[in-house]
Amino acid sequence: KMGNMASLTPDPSVDATLYYFRGRGKADQIRWLLAASGISFSQRDVDTVGKFRFLASELAFGKVPMLQIDGREVVESQAILRYIARREKLAGKSDEEMVLADQIAEAVRDAVNPLLMAPFERKKSHEATGDKTAPAHVQKMKETFVKFATRFEKLLTSNDNSGYCVGTSRTYADILVAHCLTWYVEEVGRDVLDPYPALIDLQNAVISIPEVRRFIRSTLFHPIGDVGYANEVLDILGRGNPACK
């Protein structure tokens, strides 16, 4: 049924095995956090209807991404992020810090939503007008970025200029914010970051982590999704909801 995925045996050569479509989507935050944490991982591509249906029948909530780690099969993207954060002591040093880091993670999830939908909006635009750039969605992304970047910048500068979103050391919130910023820069241009010096510093700090730099140069780092990616995902889902968790 699944070809080389018939048995959901983790890749023994790495610490974690990720199952997802051949693109960024909801797995991209997970990839960044794995890389920043120094957790070695590989990906098994869910690139056919058969593979997706098999996974949907096997997993607790019938959704990808799924991460095999520490003998567990963890699903739901936010739960995966929190598991990694706790495992790597990136969740915060106190209850107060943990709550704030989790709130930031939820805010980033909202901020990322227009990025997740961009390939599908490009597909709609191309089919309607022949224009793959989806200008209306680009404008929506710019507006969403300003809304969240303003808040993230204020959060950083109000934290005693420590350079961190939470407390005095790196948490998973820093990684998620930096990932979100990087993706927005790719989608709408570098100049969107110009009014936010604290965010620029945070992004540079995270990208300078050696493991993150290696990840960005590897085949595990996917380009932003195009019309082809949107078509592939929708085909795999049977033209269902592209926002597959």
C-alpha atoms as a PDB file:
ATOM      1  CA  LYS A   1       0.000   0.000   0.000  1.00  0.00           C
ATOM      2  CA  MET A   2       2.750   2.388   0.905  1.00  0.00           C
ATOM      3  CA  GLY A   3       5.753   1.203  -1.057  1.00  0.00           C
ATOM      4  CA  ASN A   4       8.830   2.085   1.003  1.00  0.00           C
ATOM      5  CA  MET A   5       6.585   3.496   3.773  1.00  0.00           C
ATOM      6  CA  ALA A   6       4.642   0.280   4.296  1.00  0.00           C
ATOM      7  CA  SER A   7       6.161  -0.153   7.726  1.00  0.00           C
ATOM      8  CA  LEU A   8       6.425   3.091   9.637  1.00  0.00           C
ATOM      9  CA  THR A   9       9.911   2.226  10.800  1.00  0.00           C
ATOM     10  CA  PRO A  10      11.941   5.279  11.819  1.00  0.00           C
ATOM     11  CA  ASP A  11      15.134   6.069   9.922  1.00  0.00           C
ATOM     12  CA  PRO A  12      17.827   4.539  12.170  1.00  0.00           C
ATOM     13  CA  SER A  13      20.537   6.897  10.885  1.00  0.00           C
ATOM     14  CA  VAL A  14      18.982  10.021  12.468  1.00  0.00           C
ATOM     15  CA  ASP A  15      17.323  11.137  15.702  1.00  0.00           C
ATOM     16  CA  ALA A  16      13.924  11.859  14.155  1.00  0.00           C
ATOM     17  CA  THR A  17      11.898  10.995  11.047  1.00  0.00           C
ATOM     18  CA  LEU A  18       9.410  13.513   9.665  1.00  0.00           C
ATOM     19  CA  TYR A  19       6.477  12.595   7.417  1.00  0.00           C
ATOM     20  CA  TYR A  20       5.038  15.376   5.263  1.00  0.00           C
ATOM     21  CA  PHE A  21       4.350  16.615   1.748  1.00  0.00           C
ATOM     22  CA  ARG A  22       7.236  17.684  -0.498  1.00  0.00           C
ATOM     23  CA  GLY A  23       7.207  21.306   0.569  1.00  0.00           C
ATOM     24  CA  ARG A  24       7.133  23.712   3.475  1.00  0.00           C
ATOM     25  CA  GLY A  25       3.608  23.826   4.827  1.00  0.00           C
ATOM     26  CA  LYS A  26       2.970  23.148   8.501  1.00  0.00           C
ATOM     27  CA  ALA A  27       6.129  21.051   8.767  1.00  0.00           C
ATOM     28  CA  ASP A  28       8.483  23.941   8.107  1.00  0.00           C
ATOM     29  CA  GLN A  29       8.440  25.296  11.656  1.00  0.00           C
ATOM     30  CA  ILE A  30       9.229  21.775  12.847  1.00  0.00           C
ATOM     31  CA  ARG A  31      12.199  21.499  10.486  1.00  0.00           C
ATOM     32  CA  TRP A  32      13.620  24.806  11.714  1.00  0.00           C
ATOM     33  CA  LEU A  33      13.216  23.859  15.370  1.00  0.00           C
ATOM     34  CA  LEU A  34      14.760  20.431  14.838  1.00  0.00           C
ATOM     35  CA  ALA A  35      17.707  22.032  13.063  1.00  0.00           C
ATOM     36  CA  ALA A  36      18.163  24.777  15.659  1.00  0.00           C
ATOM     37  CA  SER A  37      18.069  22.146  18.407  1.00  0.00           C
ATOM     38  CA  GLY A  38      20.748  20.038  16.736  1.00  0.00           C
ATOM     39  CA  ILE A  39      18.378  17.090  16.301  1.00  0.00           C
ATOM     40  CA  SER A  40      19.311  15.171  13.173  1.00  0.00           C
ATOM     41  CA  PHE A  41      16.308  14.238  11.041  1.00  0.00           C
ATOM     42  CA  SER A  42      15.225  12.939   7.679  1.00  0.00           C
ATOM     43  CA  GLN A  43      11.944  13.308   5.831  1.00  0.00           C
ATOM     44  CA  ARG A  44       9.779  10.662   4.222  1.00  0.00           C
ATOM     45  CA  ASP A  45       7.735  12.376   1.558  1.00  0.00           C
ATOM     46  CA  VAL A  46       3.984  11.860   1.541  1.00  0.00           C
ATOM     47  CA  ASP A  47       3.743  12.262  -2.221  1.00  0.00           C
ATOM     48  CA  THR A  48       0.933   9.940  -3.294  1.00  0.00           C
ATOM     49  CA  VAL A  49      -2.725   9.467  -2.421  1.00  0.00           C
ATOM     50  CA  GLY A  50      -1.945   5.944  -1.222  1.00  0.00           C
ATOM     51  CA  LYS A  51       0.709   7.093   1.212  1.00  0.00           C
ATOM     52  CA  PHE A  52      -1.510   9.826   2.625  1.00  0.00           C
ATOM     53  CA  ARG A  53      -4.475   7.493   3.058  1.00  0.00           C
ATOM     54  CA  PHE A  54      -2.309   4.914   4.782  1.00  0.00           C
ATOM     55  CA  LEU A  55      -0.951   7.495   7.204  1.00  0.00           C
ATOM     56  CA  ALA A  56      -4.406   8.974   7.758  1.00  0.00           C
ATOM     57  CA  SER A  57      -5.662   5.520   8.740  1.00  0.00           C
ATOM     58  CA  GLU A  58      -2.723   4.836  11.051  1.00  0.00           C
ATOM     59  CA  LEU A  59      -2.229   8.133  12.892  1.00  0.00           C
ATOM     60  CA  ALA A  60      -4.183   9.309  15.909  1.00  0.00           C
ATOM     61  CA  PHE A  61      -5.905  12.230  14.183  1.00  0.00           C
ATOM     62  CA  GLY A  62      -5.406  11.242  10.556  1.00  0.00           C
ATOM     63  CA  LYS A  63      -3.128  14.196   9.739  1.00  0.00           C
ATOM     64  CA  VAL A  64       0.428  15.055   8.836  1.00  0.00           C
ATOM     65  CA  PRO A  65       2.993  16.243   9.794  1.00  0.00           C
ATOM     66  CA  MET A  66       4.016  13.316  11.949  1.00  0.00           C
ATOM     67  CA  LEU A  67       7.344  13.082  13.742  1.00  0.00           C
ATOM     68  CA  GLN A  68       8.890   9.853  14.949  1.00  0.00           C
ATOM     69  CA  ILE A  69      11.198  10.649  17.851  1.00  0.00           C
ATOM     70  CA  ASP A  70      12.204   8.912  21.072  1.00  0.00           C
ATOM     71  CA  GLY A  71      10.107   5.883  20.157  1.00  0.00           C
ATOM     72  CA  ARG A  72       6.989   8.037  19.767  1.00  0.00           C
ATOM     73  CA  GLU A  73       4.805   9.059  16.857  1.00  0.00           C
ATOM     74  CA  VAL A  74       3.845  12.674  17.541  1.00  0.00           C
ATOM     75  CA  VAL A  75       1.195  14.437  15.458  1.00  0.00           C
ATOM     76  CA  GLU A  76      -0.399  17.915  15.420  1.00  0.00           C
ATOM     77  CA  SER A  77       2.146  20.560  14.527  1.00  0.00           C
ATOM     78  CA  GLN A  78       1.865  22.618  17.723  1.00  0.00           C
ATOM     79  CA  ALA A  79       2.179  19.513  19.887  1.00  0.00           C
ATOM     80  CA  ILE A  80       5.295  18.488  17.960  1.00  0.00           C
ATOM     81  CA  LEU A  81       6.854  21.916  18.484  1.00  0.00           C
ATOM     82  CA  ARG A  82       6.152  21.853  22.208  1.00  0.00           C
ATOM     83  CA  TYR A  83       7.529  18.339  22.546  1.00  0.00           C
ATOM     84  CA  ILE A  84      10.796  19.380  20.895  1.00  0.00           C
ATOM     85  CA  ALA A  85      10.928  22.565  22.996  1.00  0.00           C
ATOM     86  CA  ARG A  86      10.542  20.639  26.251  1.00  0.00           C
ATOM     87  CA  ARG A  87      12.975  17.940  25.134  1.00  0.00           C
ATOM     88  CA  GLU A  88      15.645  20.500  24.291  1.00  0.00           C
ATOM     89  CA  LYS A  89      14.976  22.806  27.257  1.00  0.00           C
ATOM     90  CA  LEU A  90      13.776  25.571  24.934  1.00  0.00           C
ATOM     91  CA  ALA A  91      10.313  25.895  26.461  1.00  0.00           C
ATOM     92  CA  GLY A  92      11.258  28.542  29.034  1.00  0.00           C
ATOM     93  CA  LYS A  93      12.911  28.428  32.449  1.00  0.00           C
ATOM     94  CA  SER A  94       9.845  29.204  34.577  1.00  0.00           C
ATOM     95  CA  ASP A  95       6.091  28.809  34.367  1.00  0.00           C
ATOM     96  CA  GLU A  96       5.829  32.476  33.412  1.00  0.00           C
ATOM     97  CA  GLU A  97       8.359  32.091  30.602  1.00  0.00           C
ATOM     98  CA  MET A  98       6.723  28.887  29.354  1.00  0.00           C
ATOM     99  CA  VAL A  99       3.314  30.543  29.146  1.00  0.00           C
ATOM    100  CA  LEU A 100       4.738  33.524  27.246  1.00  0.00           C
ATOM    101  CA  ALA A 101       6.691  31.304  24.848  1.00  0.00           C
ATOM    102  CA  ASP A 102       3.551  29.277  24.131  1.00  0.00           C
ATOM    103  CA  GLN A 103       1.543  32.463  23.522  1.00  0.00           C
ATOM    104  CA  ILE A 104       4.166  33.656  21.042  1.00  0.00           C
ATOM    105  CA  ALA A 105       4.097  30.268  19.310  1.00  0.00           C
ATOM    106  CA  GLU A 106       0.337  30.582  18.882  1.00  0.00           C
ATOM    107  CA  ALA A 107       0.689  34.120  17.537  1.00  0.00           C
ATOM    108  CA  VAL A 108       3.305  32.899  15.053  1.00  0.00           C
ATOM    109  CA  ARG A 109       0.931  30.176  13.924  1.00  0.00           C
ATOM    110  CA  ASP A 110      -1.605  32.885  13.050  1.00  0.00           C
ATOM    111  CA  ALA A 111       1.070  34.972  11.340  1.00  0.00           C
ATOM    112  CA  VAL A 112       2.192  32.026   9.209  1.00  0.00           C
ATOM    113  CA  ASN A 113      -1.285  31.204   7.894  1.00  0.00           C
ATOM    114  CA  PRO A 114      -1.131  33.539   4.843  1.00  0.00           C
ATOM    115  CA  LEU A 115       2.252  32.025   3.977  1.00  0.00           C
ATOM    116  CA  LEU A 116       0.778  28.521   4.094  1.00  0.00           C
ATOM    117  CA  MET A 117      -1.993  29.583   1.749  1.00  0.00           C
ATOM    118  CA  ALA A 118       0.237  31.446  -0.722  1.00  0.00           C
ATOM    119  CA  PRO A 119       0.819  28.498  -3.130  1.00  0.00           C
ATOM    120  CA  PHE A 120      -2.920  27.815  -3.289  1.00  0.00           C
ATOM    121  CA  GLU A 121      -3.680  31.501  -3.840  1.00  0.00           C
ATOM    122  CA  ARG A 122      -1.096  31.533  -6.635  1.00  0.00           C
ATOM    123  CA  LYS A 123      -2.879  28.565  -8.186  1.00  0.00           C
ATOM    124  CA  LYS A 124      -6.261  30.341  -7.982  1.00  0.00           C
ATOM    125  CA  SER A 125      -4.806  33.529  -9.439  1.00  0.00           C
ATOM    126  CA  HIS A 126      -3.138  31.642 -12.275  1.00  0.00           C
ATOM    127  CA  GLU A 127      -6.334  29.821 -13.163  1.00  0.00           C
ATOM    128  CA  ALA A 128      -8.435  32.996 -12.996  1.00  0.00           C
ATOM    129  CA  THR A 129      -6.161  35.535 -14.686  1.00  0.00           C
ATOM    130  CA  GLY A 130      -2.999  33.739 -15.808  1.00  0.00           C
ATOM    131  CA  ASP A 131      -1.012  35.657 -13.167  1.00  0.00           C
ATOM    132  CA  LYS A 132       0.907  33.364 -10.801  1.00  0.00           C
ATOM    133  CA  THR A 133       1.963  36.202  -8.498  1.00  0.00           C
ATOM    134  CA  ALA A 134      -1.461  36.534  -6.807  1.00  0.00           C
ATOM    135  CA  PRO A 135      -1.088  40.286  -6.148  1.00  0.00           C
ATOM    136  CA  ALA A 136      -4.120  40.487  -3.852  1.00  0.00           C
ATOM    137  CA  HIS A 137      -2.663  37.789  -1.619  1.00  0.00           C
ATOM    138  CA  VAL A 138       0.751  39.459  -1.632  1.00  0.00           C
ATOM    139  CA  GLN A 139      -0.939  42.576  -0.270  1.00  0.00           C
ATOM    140  CA  LYS A 140      -2.666  40.485   2.396  1.00  0.00           C
ATOM    141  CA  MET A 141       0.678  38.985   3.381  1.00  0.00           C
ATOM    142  CA  LYS A 142       2.234  42.451   3.691  1.00  0.00           C
ATOM    143  CA  GLU A 143      -0.606  43.651   5.898  1.00  0.00           C
ATOM    144  CA  THR A 144      -0.420  40.557   8.091  1.00  0.00           C
ATOM    145  CA  PHE A 145       3.322  40.936   8.420  1.00  0.00           C
ATOM    146  CA  VAL A 146       3.075  44.532   9.623  1.00  0.00           C
ATOM    147  CA  LYS A 147       0.391  43.596  12.137  1.00  0.00           C
ATOM    148  CA  PHE A 148       2.475  40.860  13.743  1.00  0.00           C
ATOM    149  CA  ALA A 149       5.948  42.347  13.227  1.00  0.00           C
ATOM    150  CA  THR A 150       4.913  45.475  15.120  1.00  0.00           C
ATOM    151  CA  ARG A 151       3.874  43.340  18.082  1.00  0.00           C
ATOM    152  CA  PHE A 152       6.932  41.088  17.960  1.00  0.00           C
ATOM    153  CA  GLU A 153       9.240  44.123  17.766  1.00  0.00           C
ATOM    154  CA  LYS A 154       7.565  45.657  20.816  1.00  0.00           C
ATOM    155  CA  LEU A 155       7.892  42.361  22.680  1.00  0.00           C
ATOM    156  CA  LEU A 156      11.608  42.151  21.937  1.00  0.00           C
ATOM    157  CA  THR A 157      12.418  45.748  22.829  1.00  0.00           C
ATOM    158  CA  SER A 158      10.408  45.560  26.057  1.00  0.00           C
ATOM    159  CA  ASN A 159      12.413  42.501  27.177  1.00  0.00           C
ATOM    160  CA  ASP A 160      15.322  44.634  28.470  1.00  0.00           C
ATOM    161  CA  ASN A 161      16.886  44.524  24.990  1.00  0.00           C
ATOM    162  CA  SER A 162      18.105  41.023  25.785  1.00  0.00           C
ATOM    163  CA  GLY A 163      17.775  39.937  22.159  1.00  0.00           C
ATOM    164  CA  TYR A 164      15.313  37.220  23.154  1.00  0.00           C
ATOM    165  CA  CYS A 165      11.548  37.063  23.003  1.00  0.00           C
ATOM    166  CA  VAL A 166      11.332  35.491  26.448  1.00  0.00           C
ATOM    167  CA  GLY A 167      13.652  35.826  29.438  1.00  0.00           C
ATOM    168  CA  THR A 168      17.413  35.969  29.056  1.00  0.00           C
ATOM    169  CA  SER A 169      18.072  32.896  26.915  1.00  0.00           C
ATOM    170  CA  ARG A 170      16.853  31.367  23.675  1.00  0.00           C
ATOM    171  CA  THR A 171      13.470  29.646  23.611  1.00  0.00           C
ATOM    172  CA  TYR A 172      11.564  27.974  20.842  1.00  0.00           C
ATOM    173  CA  ALA A 173       9.642  31.236  20.436  1.00  0.00           C
ATOM    174  CA  ASP A 174      12.804  32.863  19.046  1.00  0.00           C
ATOM    175  CA  ILE A 175      13.208  30.114  16.465  1.00  0.00           C
ATOM    176  CA  LEU A 176       9.587  30.296  15.362  1.00  0.00           C
ATOM    177  CA  VAL A 177       9.617  34.092  15.039  1.00  0.00           C
ATOM    178  CA  ALA A 178      12.871  34.008  13.037  1.00  0.00           C
ATOM    179  CA  HIS A 179      11.463  31.316  10.755  1.00  0.00           C
ATOM    180  CA  CYS A 180       8.312  33.366  10.170  1.00  0.00           C
ATOM    181  CA  LEU A 181      10.326  36.505   9.389  1.00  0.00           C
ATOM    182  CA  THR A 182      12.557  34.639   6.946  1.00  0.00           C
ATOM    183  CA  TRP A 183       9.598  33.201   5.067  1.00  0.00           C
ATOM    184  CA  TYR A 184       7.911  36.602   4.812  1.00  0.00           C
ATOM    185  CA  VAL A 185      11.109  38.131   3.437  1.00  0.00           C
ATOM    186  CA  GLU A 186      11.146  35.450   0.730  1.00  0.00           C
ATOM    187  CA  GLU A 187       7.508  36.084  -0.151  1.00  0.00           C
ATOM    188  CA  VAL A 188       7.267  39.881  -0.070  1.00  0.00           C
ATOM    189  CA  GLY A 189      10.824  41.247  -0.040  1.00  0.00           C
ATOM    190  CA  ARG A 190      13.636  42.087   2.372  1.00  0.00           C
ATOM    191  CA  ASP A 191      12.560  45.689   2.857  1.00  0.00           C
ATOM    192  CA  VAL A 192       9.558  44.650   4.969  1.00  0.00           C
ATOM    193  CA  LEU A 193      11.983  44.118   7.845  1.00  0.00           C
ATOM    194  CA  ASP A 194      13.609  47.562   7.642  1.00  0.00           C
ATOM    195  CA  PRO A 195      11.407  49.236  10.311  1.00  0.00           C
ATOM    196  CA  TYR A 196      12.124  46.475  12.834  1.00  0.00           C
ATOM    197  CA  PRO A 197      15.773  46.475  13.976  1.00  0.00           C
ATOM    198  CA  ALA A 198      15.207  44.115  16.909  1.00  0.00           C
ATOM    199  CA  LEU A 199      13.580  41.577  14.596  1.00  0.00           C
ATOM    200  CA  ILE A 200      16.484  41.875  12.154  1.00  0.00           C
ATOM    201  CA  ASP A 201      18.897  41.112  14.990  1.00  0.00           C
ATOM    202  CA  LEU A 202      16.823  38.122  16.098  1.00  0.00           C
ATOM    203  CA  GLN A 203      16.599  36.723  12.583  1.00  0.00           C
ATOM    204  CA  ASN A 204      20.363  37.111  12.092  1.00  0.00           C
ATOM    205  CA  ALA A 205      21.069  35.418  15.427  1.00  0.00           C
ATOM    206  CA  VAL A 206      18.951  32.376  14.597  1.00  0.00           C
ATOM    207  CA  ILE A 207      20.217  32.024  11.037  1.00  0.00           C
ATOM    208  CA  SER A 208      23.774  32.208  12.430  1.00  0.00           C
ATOM    209  CA  ILE A 209      23.246  29.025  14.458  1.00  0.00           C
ATOM    210  CA  PRO A 210      25.580  26.562  12.661  1.00  0.00           C
ATOM    211  CA  GLU A 211      22.967  23.800  12.503  1.00  0.00           C
ATOM    212  CA  VAL A 212      20.409  26.207  11.025  1.00  0.00           C
ATOM    213  CA  ARG A 213      22.913  27.370   8.426  1.00  0.00           C
ATOM    214  CA  ARG A 214      23.575  23.751   7.440  1.00  0.00           C
ATOM    215  CA  PHE A 215      19.857  23.043   7.255  1.00  0.00           C
ATOM    216  CA  ILE A 216      19.197  26.034   4.982  1.00  0.00           C
ATOM    217  CA  ARG A 217      21.864  24.731   2.594  1.00  0.00           C
ATOM    218  CA  SER A 218      20.485  21.171   2.623  1.00  0.00           C
ATOM    219  CA  THR A 219      17.817  19.387   0.587  1.00  0.00           C
ATOM    220  CA  LEU A 220      15.577  19.422   3.677  1.00  0.00           C
ATOM    221  CA  PHE A 221      15.102  23.164   3.144  1.00  0.00           C
ATOM    222  CA  HIS A 222      12.280  23.610   0.634  1.00  0.00           C
ATOM    223  CA  PRO A 223      11.702  26.644  -1.581  1.00  0.00           C
ATOM    224  CA  ILE A 224       8.470  28.612  -1.246  1.00  0.00           C
ATOM    225  CA  GLY A 225       5.584  26.694  -2.763  1.00  0.00           C
ATOM    226  CA  ASP A 226       4.612  27.243  -6.373  1.00  0.00           C
ATOM    227  CA  VAL A 227       1.551  26.217  -8.398  1.00  0.00           C
ATOM    228  CA  GLY A 228       3.063  22.760  -8.891  1.00  0.00           C
ATOM    229  CA  TYR A 229       3.301  22.235  -5.125  1.00  0.00           C
ATOM    230  CA  ALA A 230      -0.316  23.364  -4.676  1.00  0.00           C
ATOM    231  CA  ASN A 231      -1.481  20.945  -7.366  1.00  0.00           C
ATOM    232  CA  GLU A 232       0.453  18.049  -5.834  1.00  0.00           C
ATOM    233  CA  VAL A 233      -0.913  18.609  -2.329  1.00  0.00           C
ATOM    234  CA  LEU A 234      -4.494  19.026  -3.530  1.00  0.00           C
ATOM    235  CA  ASP A 235      -4.201  15.870  -5.627  1.00  0.00           C
ATOM    236  CA  ILE A 236      -2.888  13.913  -2.637  1.00  0.00           C
ATOM    237  CA  LEU A 237      -5.734  15.229  -0.480  1.00  0.00           C
ATOM    238  CA  GLY A 238      -8.320  14.458  -3.120  1.00  0.00           C
ATOM    239  CA  ARG A 239      -8.822  18.211  -3.714  1.00  0.00           C
ATOM    240  CA  GLY A 240      -9.625  18.605  -0.016  1.00  0.00           C
ATOM    241  CA  ASN A 241      -8.592  21.238   2.481  1.00  0.00           C
ATOM    242  CA  PRO A 242      -5.002  22.344   1.783  1.00  0.00           C
ATOM    243  CA  ALA A 243      -4.496  23.481   5.380  1.00  0.00           C
ATOM    244  CA  CYS A 244      -3.660  19.948   6.460  1.00  0.00           C
ATOM    245  CA  LYS A 245      -2.185  19.826   9.915  1.00  0.00           C
END
